[in-house]
Structure formats: C-alpha cells, structure tokens
Amino acid sequence: MLAILWTIVIFIGCSMPGRDLPKVNLFDNFDKVVHFTFFAVFFGLWF
C-alpha cells in the first residue's frame, strides 16, 4: 500500500511544471539529491 501511495506522490510531483514549484537552493545540485532520494525510496518500496 505504501509503495502505491509513494508512486502517486512521485507521479503528481513529476507532472507539475517546474516553474510552479518553490525554489530551494541549499547547495549546488540540491535538486539532484532530492530526485535521487525520491526515486531511491520508490525503488526500495517496490523492491
């Protein structure tokens, strides 16, 4: 069940235009870390 909910969260997040998301810049390549984390959790839940 948790994997399905996380899939929906990722789908909604990926469907939103980037300009509608708040700008967060804690350090260089922060967006890459967020993407990796979200998809690593996604993989872990389905695996």
N, C-alpha and C. Protein backbone atom coordinates (compact mmCIF):
# COMPACT_ATOMS: atom_id res chain seq x y z
N MET A 1 0.82 -1.19 0.00
CA MET A 1 0.00 0.00 0.00
C MET A 1 0.87 1.26 0.00
N LEU A 2 1.93 1.24 0.80
CA LEU A 2 2.81 2.41 0.88
C LEU A 2 3.50 2.67 -0.46
N ALA A 3 3.86 1.60 -1.16
CA ALA A 3 4.50 1.76 -2.47
C ALA A 3 3.55 2.41 -3.47
N ILE A 4 2.30 2.06 -3.43
CA ILE A 4 1.31 2.65 -4.33
C ILE A 4 1.13 4.14 -4.01
N LEU A 5 1.04 4.47 -2.73
CA LEU A 5 0.91 5.88 -2.35
C LEU A 5 2.13 6.69 -2.76
N TRP A 6 3.32 6.13 -2.58
CA TRP A 6 4.54 6.83 -2.97
C TRP A 6 4.60 7.02 -4.48
N THR A 7 4.12 6.02 -5.23
CA THR A 7 4.06 6.13 -6.68
C THR A 7 3.16 7.29 -7.10
N ILE A 8 2.03 7.44 -6.43
CA ILE A 8 1.11 8.54 -6.72
C ILE A 8 1.77 9.88 -6.41
N VAL A 9 2.48 9.96 -5.29
CA VAL A 9 3.18 11.21 -4.92
C VAL A 9 4.21 11.57 -5.97
N ILE A 10 4.99 10.61 -6.42
CA ILE A 10 6.00 10.87 -7.44
C ILE A 10 5.34 11.26 -8.76
N PHE A 11 4.27 10.59 -9.12
CA PHE A 11 3.57 10.92 -10.37
C PHE A 11 3.07 12.35 -10.34
N ILE A 12 2.47 12.76 -9.24
CA ILE A 12 1.96 14.12 -9.12
C ILE A 12 3.11 15.12 -9.18
N GLY A 13 4.18 14.83 -8.45
CA GLY A 13 5.34 15.72 -8.45
C GLY A 13 5.98 15.86 -9.81
N CYS A 14 6.07 14.76 -10.55
CA CYS A 14 6.67 14.80 -11.88
C CYS A 14 5.75 15.43 -12.92
N SER A 15 4.46 15.48 -12.63
CA SER A 15 3.50 16.07 -13.57
C SER A 15 3.41 17.59 -13.44
N MET A 16 3.91 18.13 -12.34
CA MET A 16 3.83 19.57 -12.11
C MET A 16 4.94 20.28 -12.88
N PRO A 17 4.62 21.42 -13.51
CA PRO A 17 5.67 22.19 -14.17
C PRO A 17 6.67 22.71 -13.14
N GLY A 18 7.94 22.74 -13.50
CA GLY A 18 8.98 23.18 -12.59
C GLY A 18 8.80 24.60 -12.10
N ARG A 19 8.21 25.45 -12.92
CA ARG A 19 8.02 26.86 -12.52
C ARG A 19 6.98 27.02 -11.41
N ASP A 20 6.14 25.99 -11.19
CA ASP A 20 5.13 26.04 -10.13
C ASP A 20 5.66 25.58 -8.78
N LEU A 21 6.87 25.02 -8.76
CA LEU A 21 7.45 24.53 -7.52
C LEU A 21 8.27 25.64 -6.86
N PRO A 22 8.31 25.65 -5.53
CA PRO A 22 9.12 26.68 -4.85
C PRO A 22 10.61 26.46 -5.11
N LYS A 23 11.34 27.55 -5.20
CA LYS A 23 12.79 27.48 -5.42
C LYS A 23 13.50 27.28 -4.09
N VAL A 24 14.23 26.17 -3.97
CA VAL A 24 15.02 25.87 -2.79
C VAL A 24 16.44 25.61 -3.27
N ASN A 25 17.38 26.37 -2.75
CA ASN A 25 18.77 26.22 -3.18
C ASN A 25 19.67 26.20 -1.95
N LEU A 26 19.69 25.08 -1.25
CA LEU A 26 20.53 24.96 -0.06
C LEU A 26 22.00 24.80 -0.43
N PHE A 27 22.28 24.10 -1.52
CA PHE A 27 23.63 23.90 -2.01
C PHE A 27 23.55 23.51 -3.47
N ASP A 28 24.68 23.49 -4.15
CA ASP A 28 24.71 23.13 -5.57
C ASP A 28 24.18 21.71 -5.76
N ASN A 29 23.42 21.54 -6.81
CA ASN A 29 22.85 20.24 -7.19
C ASN A 29 21.87 19.69 -6.16
N PHE A 30 21.23 20.55 -5.42
CA PHE A 30 20.24 20.12 -4.43
C PHE A 30 19.11 19.34 -5.10
N ASP A 31 18.70 19.78 -6.29
CA ASP A 31 17.62 19.09 -6.99
C ASP A 31 18.00 17.66 -7.34
N LYS A 32 19.26 17.42 -7.63
CA LYS A 32 19.71 16.05 -7.95
C LYS A 32 19.62 15.15 -6.72
N VAL A 33 19.96 15.69 -5.56
CA VAL A 33 19.87 14.93 -4.32
C VAL A 33 18.41 14.58 -4.01
N VAL A 34 17.51 15.54 -4.23
CA VAL A 34 16.08 15.30 -4.00
C VAL A 34 15.57 14.23 -4.95
N HIS A 35 15.92 14.33 -6.23
CA HIS A 35 15.49 13.32 -7.20
C HIS A 35 16.01 11.94 -6.81
N PHE A 36 17.28 11.86 -6.48
CA PHE A 36 17.86 10.57 -6.09
C PHE A 36 17.14 9.98 -4.88
N THR A 37 16.88 10.83 -3.89
CA THR A 37 16.22 10.35 -2.67
C THR A 37 14.81 9.84 -2.96
N PHE A 38 14.04 10.62 -3.70
CA PHE A 38 12.67 10.22 -4.01
C PHE A 38 12.63 8.90 -4.77
N PHE A 39 13.49 8.75 -5.77
CA PHE A 39 13.46 7.54 -6.57
C PHE A 39 14.13 6.36 -5.87
N ALA A 40 15.07 6.62 -4.96
CA ALA A 40 15.65 5.54 -4.16
C ALA A 40 14.59 4.96 -3.23
N VAL A 41 13.79 5.81 -2.61
CA VAL A 41 12.69 5.34 -1.77
C VAL A 41 11.68 4.58 -2.61
N PHE A 42 11.38 5.10 -3.79
CA PHE A 42 10.46 4.46 -4.72
C PHE A 42 10.94 3.04 -5.05
N PHE A 43 12.23 2.92 -5.38
CA PHE A 43 12.80 1.61 -5.68
C PHE A 43 12.72 0.70 -4.45
N GLY A 44 13.11 1.21 -3.31
CA GLY A 44 13.12 0.42 -2.10
C GLY A 44 11.74 -0.10 -1.72
N LEU A 45 10.74 0.71 -1.89
CA LEU A 45 9.38 0.27 -1.54
C LEU A 45 8.89 -0.82 -2.49
N TRP A 46 9.20 -0.69 -3.76
CA TRP A 46 8.74 -1.70 -4.72
C TRP A 46 9.60 -2.95 -4.70
N PHE A 47 10.86 -2.82 -4.32
CA PHE A 47 11.76 -3.97 -4.30
C PHE A 47 11.35 -4.88 -3.15
